[in-house]
Structure formats: C-alpha cells, structure tokens
Amino acid sequence: MGEKEKRLRRLKLRRKLLDKYRLVILNENTFEERLSFKLTRLNVFVMGSLIAVFFISITYIIIAFTPLREYIPGYSSTALKKKATELTYKTDSLRQVILMNDRYYASIKKVLTGDVSTIDFNRDSIIDAVKIEASEVDLAPTAEDSLLREKVDKEDKYNLFESATSATNFVLFPPVNGEITEPYNAQEKHYAVDIVVAKDTPIKATADGVVIFAEWTASTGYVIILEHSYGLISIYKHCAELNKEQGELVKSGEVIASAGNTGELSTGPHLHFELWSDGYPINPTNFIDFK
C-alpha cells in the first residue's frame, strides 16, 4: 500500500467522523420543523460514551453506598449479618452450658448409683508420721521465713472484714502504704486522707465489695468507688488507670487501679482516699494503718 493510499484512507476516515449531519424533528401532520441538531459521528460517539460512563457510575454508587444493594442477589443485609453473629455467640454459650450440665448430671448419677471411686490410705503410715519427735525436726525459722511471716501477719491484720459483726469492730486493708500529706479534716470539709505514693503504684481494695462507679471526672481524674457490707463505701481518686469496671466484684487486697496525678485538683502523684458509712464520712485512719 502506497503512501498516497494511506493518506486517502485517513482522509476518508476523518471525513466520516467529522462530516456533519442534520437531525430534524418534524410534526408528522404538518411537516413543520420543531427541532434540529447538527451532529457528527464523532460527537455521537463521544456523547454516547459519556452517557454510558454516567449511568455506570450512578449504578455503582447505588450498589456500593445505599441500602438498595440489599435487594440485589448476592448481597446480604447488615442487620442479618449482625443477627447471625449474635446467634452464633449465643449458640456457642448454650453449647458450653449444655456441656457443663451434662457433666454435672453425670457426676450426680455416679453419686446416686454409688459409682464413685475411693482412695485407700495407709493408716499406719499416717500414724507413724505423726509420731515423729519434734526434736528431730529443725523448726528454727530462717531470716527469709521471719521476714515473710512478718509481712503476712501485717497483711492478715487488715483482712478481718469477713469476720466482722458490725461496721465498728473491724480493721480494713490499706489501699496503699505511704505518708499522709493531708489528713482527714471535717471542719475544712476534707473528708479524706491524701497519701503520697509513686506513680503507677498498685491501689488495692480495702475490703470485699462491688464496683459502683469507675469513670473519669474533670476535677478528680479517674475515680473508682466500691460498696462494701454494713453500708460502707470507699472512694479512690486521682488514679492513673482503672483495672475494674462498674458492676465487678472485688476481693479485699485485690488491685483495682494504679496511683497517678489525674484531675484538675491534683498537685502530684497521690491517692485521695475516702470512707463513708451509711452516708456519713468517717476518718480512714481510725481503721487503717497507712504506714
């Protein structure tokens, strides 16, 4: 194919694309011309492409970002997914409960039918072991034993809440150990003691109880409040972090938070500790030795 033929072909193609055509809309009865458009094949092709892209984009947006996609086969409802997930968790929990009940009923069945294994003890060996002379055993405590016993005795001293018979005859567990920088003063409405401690020092529950408040406050930072027996409430303020949430049960001496310097009223790492009995503040040092 010569150069001339190629040029003629390009001119012919260009003429096809750019030749103008007139689109006329007439009244069928009167043949009156209503509308007319001057078009080229290139214009028609470009306009058709733009319209196709527009409709494809609209369709994609409707499918991707509107609830109408749930009516298209293959798409699942968000609500159905959430409900299916919840049902899966409930089913798993029910399976665990059924398994535990089956084991429990099997144990009861063994007891009722007498199918319980027994353990034989050598009675003579136990009696012989009890008869060992105390003089043959070195009962002298080592230095480590003495320190451990002293520490345990000190902790047990403040763990008498369960054996108390009223709110006035028990000693509570110290939440932290440290120096009291600001004591309890009812006249100045300071119904607490401030104990200086290092940052992130573990704060322990003063007695068995339940968490009734565990939130952030602007003035006192992270605060956790425990409700105990006998109408007693303990409050721990300016914490750096809380380890328990509202509604949780805690044991005496269990770590519930860490000491910090949070809140607008705090001037340094310390614990602001309050005790309230039947709605009235009481001096914590009457029940707790913080040193």
C-alpha atoms as a PDB file:
ATOM      1  CA  MET A   1       0.000   0.000   0.000  1.00  0.00           C
ATOM      2  CA  GLY A   2       1.499   3.295  -1.052  1.00  0.00           C
ATOM      3  CA  GLU A   3       1.810   6.449   0.930  1.00  0.00           C
ATOM      4  CA  LYS A   4      -0.835   8.071  -1.186  1.00  0.00           C
ATOM      5  CA  GLU A   5      -3.378   5.336  -0.471  1.00  0.00           C
ATOM      6  CA  LYS A   6      -2.730   5.610   3.257  1.00  0.00           C
ATOM      7  CA  ARG A   7      -3.298   9.323   3.110  1.00  0.00           C
ATOM      8  CA  LEU A   8      -6.517   8.889   1.204  1.00  0.00           C
ATOM      9  CA  ARG A   9      -7.749   6.337   3.716  1.00  0.00           C
ATOM     10  CA  ARG A  10      -7.018   8.681   6.641  1.00  0.00           C
ATOM     11  CA  LEU A  11      -8.808  11.492   4.899  1.00  0.00           C
ATOM     12  CA  LYS A  12     -11.783   9.248   4.229  1.00  0.00           C
ATOM     13  CA  LEU A  13     -11.946   8.147   7.882  1.00  0.00           C
ATOM     14  CA  ARG A  14     -11.623  11.737   9.046  1.00  0.00           C
ATOM     15  CA  ARG A  15     -14.380  12.787   6.698  1.00  0.00           C
ATOM     16  CA  LYS A  16     -16.648  10.061   8.055  1.00  0.00           C
ATOM     17  CA  LEU A  17     -16.052  11.195  11.627  1.00  0.00           C
ATOM     18  CA  LEU A  18     -16.283  14.923  11.023  1.00  0.00           C
ATOM     19  CA  ASP A  19     -18.885  15.144   8.264  1.00  0.00           C
ATOM     20  CA  LYS A  20     -21.878  16.985   9.656  1.00  0.00           C
ATOM     21  CA  TYR A  21     -25.359  15.552   9.633  1.00  0.00           C
ATOM     22  CA  ARG A  22     -28.587  17.253  10.470  1.00  0.00           C
ATOM     23  CA  LEU A  23     -31.098  15.606  12.804  1.00  0.00           C
ATOM     24  CA  VAL A  24     -34.520  17.142  12.273  1.00  0.00           C
ATOM     25  CA  ILE A  25     -37.678  16.556  14.314  1.00  0.00           C
ATOM     26  CA  LEU A  26     -40.848  17.298  12.280  1.00  0.00           C
ATOM     27  CA  ASN A  27     -44.543  17.445  13.013  1.00  0.00           C
ATOM     28  CA  GLU A  28     -45.969  14.385  11.307  1.00  0.00           C
ATOM     29  CA  ASN A  29     -49.180  16.077  10.249  1.00  0.00           C
ATOM     30  CA  THR A  30     -47.893  19.458   9.079  1.00  0.00           C
ATOM     31  CA  PHE A  31     -44.254  18.555   8.430  1.00  0.00           C
ATOM     32  CA  GLU A  32     -43.365  21.649  10.488  1.00  0.00           C
ATOM     33  CA  GLU A  33     -39.758  21.574  11.711  1.00  0.00           C
ATOM     34  CA  ARG A  34     -39.691  21.569  15.524  1.00  0.00           C
ATOM     35  CA  LEU A  35     -36.079  20.788  16.439  1.00  0.00           C
ATOM     36  CA  SER A  36     -32.906  20.278  14.540  1.00  0.00           C
ATOM     37  CA  PHE A  37     -29.416  19.254  15.599  1.00  0.00           C
ATOM     38  CA  LYS A  38     -26.132  19.355  13.738  1.00  0.00           C
ATOM     39  CA  LEU A  39     -24.191  16.217  14.562  1.00  0.00           C
ATOM     40  CA  THR A  40     -21.098  14.370  13.555  1.00  0.00           C
ATOM     41  CA  ARG A  41     -20.305  10.750  14.066  1.00  0.00           C
ATOM     42  CA  LEU A  42     -17.519  11.757  16.460  1.00  0.00           C
ATOM     43  CA  ASN A  43     -19.935  13.833  18.552  1.00  0.00           C
ATOM     44  CA  VAL A  44     -22.400  10.967  18.714  1.00  0.00           C
ATOM     45  CA  PHE A  45     -19.656   8.542  19.769  1.00  0.00           C
ATOM     46  CA  VAL A  46     -18.313  10.884  22.489  1.00  0.00           C
ATOM     47  CA  MET A  47     -21.788  11.726  23.793  1.00  0.00           C
ATOM     48  CA  GLY A  48     -22.769   8.057  23.905  1.00  0.00           C
ATOM     49  CA  SER A  49     -19.581   7.162  25.786  1.00  0.00           C
ATOM     50  CA  LEU A  50     -20.164   9.919  28.368  1.00  0.00           C
ATOM     51  CA  ILE A  51     -23.759   8.812  28.909  1.00  0.00           C
ATOM     52  CA  ALA A  52     -22.649   5.194  29.359  1.00  0.00           C
ATOM     53  CA  VAL A  53     -19.957   6.205  31.880  1.00  0.00           C
ATOM     54  CA  PHE A  54     -22.520   8.351  33.750  1.00  0.00           C
ATOM     55  CA  PHE A  55     -25.045   5.529  34.085  1.00  0.00           C
ATOM     56  CA  ILE A  56     -22.341   3.043  35.097  1.00  0.00           C
ATOM     57  CA  SER A  57     -21.129   5.431  37.821  1.00  0.00           C
ATOM     58  CA  ILE A  58     -24.662   6.015  39.126  1.00  0.00           C
ATOM     59  CA  THR A  59     -25.273   2.273  39.229  1.00  0.00           C
ATOM     60  CA  TYR A  60     -22.019   1.670  41.132  1.00  0.00           C
ATOM     61  CA  ILE A  61     -22.823   4.396  43.689  1.00  0.00           C
ATOM     62  CA  ILE A  62     -26.306   2.979  44.278  1.00  0.00           C
ATOM     63  CA  ILE A  63     -24.943  -0.524  44.775  1.00  0.00           C
ATOM     64  CA  ALA A  64     -21.997   0.458  46.968  1.00  0.00           C
ATOM     65  CA  PHE A  65     -23.391   3.234  49.189  1.00  0.00           C
ATOM     66  CA  THR A  66     -27.162   2.819  49.522  1.00  0.00           C
ATOM     67  CA  PRO A  67     -29.407   0.196  51.170  1.00  0.00           C
ATOM     68  CA  LEU A  68     -30.728  -0.735  47.733  1.00  0.00           C
ATOM     69  CA  ARG A  69     -27.793  -3.108  47.332  1.00  0.00           C
ATOM     70  CA  GLU A  70     -29.527  -5.458  49.772  1.00  0.00           C
ATOM     71  CA  TYR A  71     -32.139  -6.176  47.108  1.00  0.00           C
ATOM     72  CA  ILE A  72     -29.516  -7.311  44.610  1.00  0.00           C
ATOM     73  CA  PRO A  73     -28.890 -11.070  44.635  1.00  0.00           C
ATOM     74  CA  GLY A  74     -25.545 -11.858  46.224  1.00  0.00           C
ATOM     75  CA  TYR A  75     -25.591  -9.042  48.796  1.00  0.00           C
ATOM     76  CA  SER A  76     -26.547  -9.806  52.365  1.00  0.00           C
ATOM     77  CA  SER A  77     -28.217  -7.428  54.818  1.00  0.00           C
ATOM     78  CA  THR A  78     -26.068  -5.801  57.517  1.00  0.00           C
ATOM     79  CA  ALA A  79     -28.801  -6.443  60.057  1.00  0.00           C
ATOM     80  CA  LEU A  80     -28.880 -10.108  59.099  1.00  0.00           C
ATOM     81  CA  LYS A  81     -25.091 -10.345  59.477  1.00  0.00           C
ATOM     82  CA  LYS A  82     -25.256  -8.790  62.952  1.00  0.00           C
ATOM     83  CA  LYS A  83     -28.105 -11.070  63.986  1.00  0.00           C
ATOM     84  CA  ALA A  84     -26.287 -14.116  62.652  1.00  0.00           C
ATOM     85  CA  THR A  85     -23.162 -13.169  64.607  1.00  0.00           C
ATOM     86  CA  GLU A  86     -25.170 -12.714  67.822  1.00  0.00           C
ATOM     87  CA  LEU A  87     -26.894 -16.050  67.292  1.00  0.00           C
ATOM     88  CA  THR A  88     -23.507 -17.713  66.760  1.00  0.00           C
ATOM     89  CA  TYR A  89     -22.234 -16.372  70.091  1.00  0.00           C
ATOM     90  CA  LYS A  90     -25.440 -17.414  71.865  1.00  0.00           C
ATOM     91  CA  THR A  91     -25.249 -20.878  70.318  1.00  0.00           C
ATOM     92  CA  ASP A  92     -21.664 -21.294  71.485  1.00  0.00           C
ATOM     93  CA  SER A  93     -22.609 -20.170  75.006  1.00  0.00           C
ATOM     94  CA  LEU A  94     -25.554 -22.571  75.080  1.00  0.00           C
ATOM     95  CA  ARG A  95     -23.295 -25.420  73.987  1.00  0.00           C
ATOM     96  CA  GLN A  96     -20.933 -24.677  76.859  1.00  0.00           C
ATOM     97  CA  VAL A  97     -23.842 -24.562  79.329  1.00  0.00           C
ATOM     98  CA  ILE A  98     -25.248 -27.838  77.996  1.00  0.00           C
ATOM     99  CA  LEU A  99     -21.817 -29.475  78.227  1.00  0.00           C
ATOM    100  CA  MET A 100     -21.389 -28.319  81.833  1.00  0.00           C
ATOM    101  CA  ASN A 101     -24.911 -29.529  82.709  1.00  0.00           C
ATOM    102  CA  ASP A 102     -24.215 -32.915  81.116  1.00  0.00           C
ATOM    103  CA  ARG A 103     -21.058 -33.281  83.198  1.00  0.00           C
ATOM    104  CA  TYR A 104     -22.908 -32.173  86.313  1.00  0.00           C
ATOM    105  CA  TYR A 105     -25.747 -34.658  85.743  1.00  0.00           C
ATOM    106  CA  ALA A 106     -23.219 -37.424  85.041  1.00  0.00           C
ATOM    107  CA  SER A 107     -21.493 -36.697  88.356  1.00  0.00           C
ATOM    108  CA  ILE A 108     -24.833 -36.750  90.225  1.00  0.00           C
ATOM    109  CA  LYS A 109     -25.742 -40.019  88.509  1.00  0.00           C
ATOM    110  CA  LYS A 110     -22.492 -41.604  89.679  1.00  0.00           C
ATOM    111  CA  VAL A 111     -23.133 -40.469  93.253  1.00  0.00           C
ATOM    112  CA  LEU A 112     -26.720 -41.768  93.213  1.00  0.00           C
ATOM    113  CA  THR A 113     -25.711 -45.134  91.763  1.00  0.00           C
ATOM    114  CA  GLY A 114     -22.697 -45.468  94.058  1.00  0.00           C
ATOM    115  CA  ASP A 115     -20.269 -45.465  91.134  1.00  0.00           C
ATOM    116  CA  VAL A 116     -17.708 -43.352  92.992  1.00  0.00           C
ATOM    117  CA  SER A 117     -14.079 -44.373  93.213  1.00  0.00           C
ATOM    118  CA  THR A 118     -12.477 -44.433  96.620  1.00  0.00           C
ATOM    119  CA  ILE A 119      -8.893 -43.791  97.680  1.00  0.00           C
ATOM    120  CA  ASP A 120      -7.186 -46.124 100.100  1.00  0.00           C
ATOM    121  CA  PHE A 121      -4.941 -44.517 102.721  1.00  0.00           C
ATOM    122  CA  ASN A 122      -2.270 -46.331 104.625  1.00  0.00           C
ATOM    123  CA  ARG A 123      -3.463 -45.617 108.151  1.00  0.00           C
ATOM    124  CA  ASP A 124      -0.309 -46.967 109.791  1.00  0.00           C
ATOM    125  CA  SER A 125       1.985 -44.744 107.728  1.00  0.00           C
ATOM    126  CA  ILE A 126      -0.015 -41.657 108.696  1.00  0.00           C
ATOM    127  CA  ILE A 127       0.117 -42.524 112.381  1.00  0.00           C
ATOM    128  CA  ASP A 128       3.843 -43.210 112.161  1.00  0.00           C
ATOM    129  CA  ALA A 129       4.416 -39.844 110.513  1.00  0.00           C
ATOM    130  CA  VAL A 130       2.537 -38.062 113.304  1.00  0.00           C
ATOM    131  CA  LYS A 131       4.640 -39.781 115.924  1.00  0.00           C
ATOM    132  CA  ILE A 132       7.905 -38.202 114.697  1.00  0.00           C
ATOM    133  CA  GLU A 133       9.565 -36.426 117.590  1.00  0.00           C
ATOM    134  CA  ALA A 134       9.599 -32.671 117.322  1.00  0.00           C
ATOM    135  CA  SER A 135      13.205 -32.681 118.468  1.00  0.00           C
ATOM    136  CA  GLU A 136      14.186 -34.470 115.274  1.00  0.00           C
ATOM    137  CA  VAL A 137      12.930 -31.593 113.147  1.00  0.00           C
ATOM    138  CA  ASP A 138      14.671 -28.240 112.928  1.00  0.00           C
ATOM    139  CA  LEU A 139      11.875 -25.728 113.496  1.00  0.00           C
ATOM    140  CA  ALA A 140      14.096 -22.677 113.783  1.00  0.00           C
ATOM    141  CA  PRO A 141      12.942 -20.125 111.165  1.00  0.00           C
ATOM    142  CA  THR A 142      15.405 -18.729 108.700  1.00  0.00           C
ATOM    143  CA  ALA A 143      15.829 -14.996 108.083  1.00  0.00           C
ATOM    144  CA  GLU A 144      13.680 -15.236 104.940  1.00  0.00           C
ATOM    145  CA  ASP A 145      10.968 -17.089 106.876  1.00  0.00           C
ATOM    146  CA  SER A 146      10.915 -14.409 109.553  1.00  0.00           C
ATOM    147  CA  LEU A 147      10.523 -11.610 107.013  1.00  0.00           C
ATOM    148  CA  LEU A 148       7.776 -13.498 105.190  1.00  0.00           C
ATOM    149  CA  ARG A 149       5.880 -14.222 108.411  1.00  0.00           C
ATOM    150  CA  GLU A 150       6.084 -10.566 109.435  1.00  0.00           C
ATOM    151  CA  LYS A 151       4.744  -9.447 106.063  1.00  0.00           C
ATOM    152  CA  VAL A 152       1.896 -11.992 106.105  1.00  0.00           C
ATOM    153  CA  ASP A 153       0.958 -11.088 109.679  1.00  0.00           C
ATOM    154  CA  LYS A 154       0.793  -7.423 108.732  1.00  0.00           C
ATOM    155  CA  GLU A 155      -1.407  -8.100 105.717  1.00  0.00           C
ATOM    156  CA  ASP A 156      -3.688 -10.515 107.589  1.00  0.00           C
ATOM    157  CA  LYS A 157      -4.139  -7.914 110.314  1.00  0.00           C
ATOM    158  CA  TYR A 158      -6.134  -5.788 107.883  1.00  0.00           C
ATOM    159  CA  ASN A 159      -8.081  -8.608 106.297  1.00  0.00           C
ATOM    160  CA  LEU A 160     -10.707  -9.103 109.005  1.00  0.00           C
ATOM    161  CA  PHE A 161     -13.706  -7.754 107.147  1.00  0.00           C
ATOM    162  CA  GLU A 162     -15.410 -11.131 106.669  1.00  0.00           C
ATOM    163  CA  SER A 163     -15.215 -11.947 110.358  1.00  0.00           C
ATOM    164  CA  ALA A 164     -16.600  -8.579 111.463  1.00  0.00           C
ATOM    165  CA  THR A 165     -20.023  -8.458 113.089  1.00  0.00           C
ATOM    166  CA  SER A 166     -20.602  -4.724 112.658  1.00  0.00           C
ATOM    167  CA  ALA A 167     -19.127  -1.707 110.909  1.00  0.00           C
ATOM    168  CA  THR A 168     -17.317  -0.548 114.047  1.00  0.00           C
ATOM    169  CA  ASN A 169     -15.219  -3.541 115.102  1.00  0.00           C
ATOM    170  CA  PHE A 170     -13.103  -4.373 112.036  1.00  0.00           C
ATOM    171  CA  VAL A 171      -9.833  -3.167 110.521  1.00  0.00           C
ATOM    172  CA  LEU A 172      -9.649  -2.617 106.771  1.00  0.00           C
ATOM    173  CA  PHE A 173      -6.910  -3.430 104.272  1.00  0.00           C
ATOM    174  CA  PRO A 174      -4.703  -0.408 103.416  1.00  0.00           C
ATOM    175  CA  PRO A 175      -5.198   0.580  99.746  1.00  0.00           C
ATOM    176  CA  VAL A 176      -1.610   1.881  99.610  1.00  0.00           C
ATOM    177  CA  ASN A 177       1.254   2.420 102.016  1.00  0.00           C
ATOM    178  CA  GLY A 178       2.821   5.846 102.279  1.00  0.00           C
ATOM    179  CA  GLU A 179       2.994   9.152 104.073  1.00  0.00           C
ATOM    180  CA  ILE A 180      -0.218  11.105 104.692  1.00  0.00           C
ATOM    181  CA  THR A 181       0.311  14.651 103.405  1.00  0.00           C
ATOM    182  CA  GLU A 182      -3.189  15.937 104.146  1.00  0.00           C
ATOM    183  CA  PRO A 183      -5.180  14.251 106.925  1.00  0.00           C
ATOM    184  CA  TYR A 184      -8.911  13.932 107.397  1.00  0.00           C
ATOM    185  CA  ASN A 185     -10.403  17.289 108.467  1.00  0.00           C
ATOM    186  CA  ALA A 186     -14.199  17.551 108.750  1.00  0.00           C
ATOM    187  CA  GLN A 187     -14.058  21.260 109.678  1.00  0.00           C
ATOM    188  CA  GLU A 188     -12.394  22.108 106.348  1.00  0.00           C
ATOM    189  CA  LYS A 189     -14.639  19.602 104.528  1.00  0.00           C
ATOM    190  CA  HIS A 190     -11.682  17.425 103.575  1.00  0.00           C
ATOM    191  CA  TYR A 191     -13.372  14.069 104.139  1.00  0.00           C
ATOM    192  CA  ALA A 192     -10.362  12.031 103.072  1.00  0.00           C
ATOM    193  CA  VAL A 193      -6.681  11.347 103.535  1.00  0.00           C
ATOM    194  CA  ASP A 194      -4.112  12.087 100.827  1.00  0.00           C
ATOM    195  CA  ILE A 195      -1.279   9.538 100.695  1.00  0.00           C
ATOM    196  CA  VAL A 196       1.830  10.307  98.643  1.00  0.00           C
ATOM    197  CA  VAL A 197       2.929   7.342  96.531  1.00  0.00           C
ATOM    198  CA  ALA A 198       4.961   6.789  93.405  1.00  0.00           C
ATOM    199  CA  LYS A 199       3.167   6.983  90.073  1.00  0.00           C
ATOM    200  CA  ASP A 200       1.550   3.702  88.934  1.00  0.00           C
ATOM    201  CA  THR A 201       1.655   2.271  92.482  1.00  0.00           C
ATOM    202  CA  PRO A 202      -0.993  -0.508  92.699  1.00  0.00           C
ATOM    203  CA  ILE A 203      -4.129   0.548  94.585  1.00  0.00           C
ATOM    204  CA  LYS A 204      -5.869  -2.300  96.411  1.00  0.00           C
ATOM    205  CA  ALA A 205      -9.459  -2.762  97.532  1.00  0.00           C
ATOM    206  CA  THR A 206      -9.831  -2.020 101.223  1.00  0.00           C
ATOM    207  CA  ALA A 207     -12.424  -4.818 101.616  1.00  0.00           C
ATOM    208  CA  ASP A 208     -14.650  -7.169  99.663  1.00  0.00           C
ATOM    209  CA  GLY A 209     -17.225  -5.281  97.633  1.00  0.00           C
ATOM    210  CA  VAL A 210     -18.686  -4.347  94.279  1.00  0.00           C
ATOM    211  CA  VAL A 211     -17.658  -1.515  91.941  1.00  0.00           C
ATOM    212  CA  ILE A 212     -20.488   1.030  91.769  1.00  0.00           C
ATOM    213  CA  PHE A 213     -18.563   3.743  89.895  1.00  0.00           C
ATOM    214  CA  ALA A 214     -15.486   3.670  87.657  1.00  0.00           C
ATOM    215  CA  GLU A 215     -15.217   6.704  85.403  1.00  0.00           C
ATOM    216  CA  TRP A 216     -13.210   9.827  84.517  1.00  0.00           C
ATOM    217  CA  THR A 217     -14.061  13.159  86.151  1.00  0.00           C
ATOM    218  CA  ALA A 218     -12.584  16.527  85.223  1.00  0.00           C
ATOM    219  CA  SER A 219     -11.703  17.617  88.773  1.00  0.00           C
ATOM    220  CA  THR A 220     -10.514  14.337  90.305  1.00  0.00           C
ATOM    221  CA  GLY A 221      -9.374  12.343  87.249  1.00  0.00           C
ATOM    222  CA  TYR A 222     -10.036   8.604  87.237  1.00  0.00           C
ATOM    223  CA  VAL A 223     -12.256   7.649  90.192  1.00  0.00           C
ATOM    224  CA  ILE A 224     -13.369   4.233  91.413  1.00  0.00           C
ATOM    225  CA  ILE A 225     -15.944   3.694  94.172  1.00  0.00           C
ATOM    226  CA  LEU A 226     -16.589   0.396  95.977  1.00  0.00           C
ATOM    227  CA  GLU A 227     -19.648  -0.556  98.005  1.00  0.00           C
ATOM    228  CA  HIS A 228     -18.982  -2.934 100.913  1.00  0.00           C
ATOM    229  CA  SER A 229     -21.091  -4.590 103.579  1.00  0.00           C
ATOM    230  CA  TYR A 230     -22.540  -2.716 106.585  1.00  0.00           C
ATOM    231  CA  GLY A 231     -23.312   0.371 104.474  1.00  0.00           C
ATOM    232  CA  LEU A 232     -19.618   1.167 103.947  1.00  0.00           C
ATOM    233  CA  ILE A 233     -18.344   2.902 100.782  1.00  0.00           C
ATOM    234  CA  SER A 234     -14.698   3.502  99.853  1.00  0.00           C
ATOM    235  CA  ILE A 235     -13.604   6.089  97.259  1.00  0.00           C
ATOM    236  CA  TYR A 236     -10.279   6.237  95.387  1.00  0.00           C
ATOM    237  CA  LYS A 237      -9.497   9.401  93.368  1.00  0.00           C
ATOM    238  CA  HIS A 238      -6.755  10.783  91.063  1.00  0.00           C
ATOM    239  CA  CYS A 239      -5.931   7.297  89.712  1.00  0.00           C
ATOM    240  CA  ALA A 240      -3.709   6.923  86.650  1.00  0.00           C
ATOM    241  CA  GLU A 241      -5.614   3.898  85.386  1.00  0.00           C
ATOM    242  CA  LEU A 242      -8.609   1.777  86.449  1.00  0.00           C
ATOM    243  CA  ASN A 243      -8.399  -2.032  86.416  1.00  0.00           C
ATOM    244  CA  LYS A 244     -12.060  -2.697  87.216  1.00  0.00           C
ATOM    245  CA  GLU A 245     -15.363  -1.736  85.650  1.00  0.00           C
ATOM    246  CA  GLN A 246     -18.737  -0.890  87.142  1.00  0.00           C
ATOM    247  CA  GLY A 247     -20.577  -3.970  88.397  1.00  0.00           C
ATOM    248  CA  GLU A 248     -17.484  -6.131  89.005  1.00  0.00           C
ATOM    249  CA  LEU A 249     -16.930  -7.921  92.324  1.00  0.00           C
ATOM    250  CA  VAL A 250     -13.593  -7.400  94.074  1.00  0.00           C
ATOM    251  CA  LYS A 251     -11.857  -9.104  96.979  1.00  0.00           C
ATOM    252  CA  SER A 252     -10.046  -7.466  99.849  1.00  0.00           C
ATOM    253  CA  GLY A 253      -6.479  -6.601  98.815  1.00  0.00           C
ATOM    254  CA  GLU A 254      -7.192  -7.045  95.090  1.00  0.00           C
ATOM    255  CA  VAL A 255      -5.593  -4.457  92.788  1.00  0.00           C
ATOM    256  CA  ILE A 256      -8.309  -2.190  91.389  1.00  0.00           C
ATOM    257  CA  ALA A 257      -6.317   0.762  89.984  1.00  0.00           C
ATOM    258  CA  SER A 258      -2.920   2.461  89.838  1.00  0.00           C
ATOM    259  CA  ALA A 259      -1.983   5.721  91.521  1.00  0.00           C
ATOM    260  CA  GLY A 260      -1.476   8.813  89.420  1.00  0.00           C
ATOM    261  CA  ASN A 261      -1.812  12.562  89.075  1.00  0.00           C
ATOM    262  CA  THR A 262      -5.041  12.988  87.107  1.00  0.00           C
ATOM    263  CA  GLY A 263      -7.661  15.660  87.523  1.00  0.00           C
ATOM    264  CA  GLU A 264      -7.574  19.434  87.913  1.00  0.00           C
ATOM    265  CA  LEU A 265      -7.348  19.278  91.736  1.00  0.00           C
ATOM    266  CA  SER A 266      -4.276  17.018  91.823  1.00  0.00           C
ATOM    267  CA  THR A 267      -0.853  18.522  92.561  1.00  0.00           C
ATOM    268  CA  GLY A 268       1.241  15.358  92.283  1.00  0.00           C
ATOM    269  CA  PRO A 269       1.099  11.548  92.311  1.00  0.00           C
ATOM    270  CA  HIS A 270      -1.001  10.519  95.321  1.00  0.00           C
ATOM    271  CA  LEU A 271      -4.164   8.718  96.389  1.00  0.00           C
ATOM    272  CA  HIS A 272      -7.183  10.611  97.684  1.00  0.00           C
ATOM    273  CA  PHE A 273      -8.975   8.007  99.826  1.00  0.00           C
ATOM    274  CA  GLU A 274     -12.399   8.418 101.455  1.00  0.00           C
ATOM    275  CA  LEU A 275     -14.580   6.221 103.672  1.00  0.00           C
ATOM    276  CA  TRP A 276     -18.327   6.733 104.096  1.00  0.00           C
ATOM    277  CA  SER A 277     -20.580   4.805 106.467  1.00  0.00           C
ATOM    278  CA  ASP A 278     -24.346   4.956 105.914  1.00  0.00           C
ATOM    279  CA  GLY A 279     -23.959   8.255 104.080  1.00  0.00           C
ATOM    280  CA  TYR A 280     -21.618   9.912 106.604  1.00  0.00           C
ATOM    281  CA  PRO A 281     -17.848  10.449 106.162  1.00  0.00           C
ATOM    282  CA  ILE A 282     -15.518   8.739 108.633  1.00  0.00           C
ATOM    283  CA  ASN A 283     -11.815   9.131 109.319  1.00  0.00           C
ATOM    284  CA  PRO A 284      -9.969   6.342 107.450  1.00  0.00           C
ATOM    285  CA  THR A 285      -7.042   6.430 109.923  1.00  0.00           C
ATOM    286  CA  ASN A 286      -9.369   5.111 112.643  1.00  0.00           C
ATOM    287  CA  PHE A 287      -9.489   1.820 110.743  1.00  0.00           C
ATOM    288  CA  ILE A 288      -6.382   1.705 108.540  1.00  0.00           C
ATOM    289  CA  ASP A 289      -2.652   1.973 109.191  1.00  0.00           C
ATOM    290  CA  PHE A 290      -1.199   3.507 106.015  1.00  0.00           C
ATOM    291  CA  LYS A 291       2.457   3.206 107.073  1.00  0.00           C
END
